[in-house]
Amino acid sequence: MESQTPAVELIDVSLIFGGDRPTDEPV
C-alpha cells in the first residue's frame, strides 16, 4: 500500500462508492 498519495485513493474510493463529489475537492 502506497501511503504517498492518500488523496488519490480517497477520490478513487469516493468515485467508486458515490462518485458525486471527490474527497479532495468538495465542489
C-alpha atoms as a PDB file:
ATOM      1  CA  MET A   1       0.000   0.000   0.000  1.00  0.00           C
ATOM      2  CA  GLU A   2       1.470   3.312  -1.079  1.00  0.00           C
ATOM      3  CA  SER A   3       0.786   5.950   1.559  1.00  0.00           C
ATOM      4  CA  GLN A   4       2.265   8.642  -0.647  1.00  0.00           C
ATOM      5  CA  THR A   5      -0.900   9.813  -2.391  1.00  0.00           C
ATOM      6  CA  PRO A   6      -3.814   9.269   0.004  1.00  0.00           C
ATOM      7  CA  ALA A   7      -5.857  11.953  -1.765  1.00  0.00           C
ATOM      8  CA  VAL A   8      -5.933   9.878  -4.947  1.00  0.00           C
ATOM      9  CA  GLU A   9      -7.107   6.834  -3.026  1.00  0.00           C
ATOM     10  CA  LEU A  10      -9.781   8.864  -1.251  1.00  0.00           C
ATOM     11  CA  ILE A  11     -11.011  10.278  -4.553  1.00  0.00           C
ATOM     12  CA  ASP A  12     -10.947   6.834  -6.145  1.00  0.00           C
ATOM     13  CA  VAL A  13     -12.921   5.340  -3.266  1.00  0.00           C
ATOM     14  CA  SER A  14     -15.360   8.243  -3.372  1.00  0.00           C
ATOM     15  CA  LEU A  15     -15.885   7.747  -7.096  1.00  0.00           C
ATOM     16  CA  ILE A  16     -16.385   4.020  -6.629  1.00  0.00           C
ATOM     17  CA  PHE A  17     -18.764   4.429  -3.689  1.00  0.00           C
ATOM     18  CA  GLY A  18     -20.697   7.565  -4.599  1.00  0.00           C
ATOM     19  CA  GLY A  19     -18.984   9.429  -7.422  1.00  0.00           C
ATOM     20  CA  ASP A  20     -20.919  12.572  -6.631  1.00  0.00           C
ATOM     21  CA  ARG A  21     -18.133  14.698  -5.184  1.00  0.00           C
ATOM     22  CA  PRO A  22     -14.420  13.896  -4.705  1.00  0.00           C
ATOM     23  CA  THR A  23     -12.988  13.973  -1.184  1.00  0.00           C
ATOM     24  CA  ASP A  24     -10.106  16.186  -2.287  1.00  0.00           C
ATOM     25  CA  GLU A  25     -12.255  18.857  -3.933  1.00  0.00           C
ATOM     26  CA  PRO A  26     -15.708  19.128  -2.341  1.00  0.00           C
ATOM     27  CA  VAL A  27     -17.164  21.372  -5.033  1.00  0.00           C
END
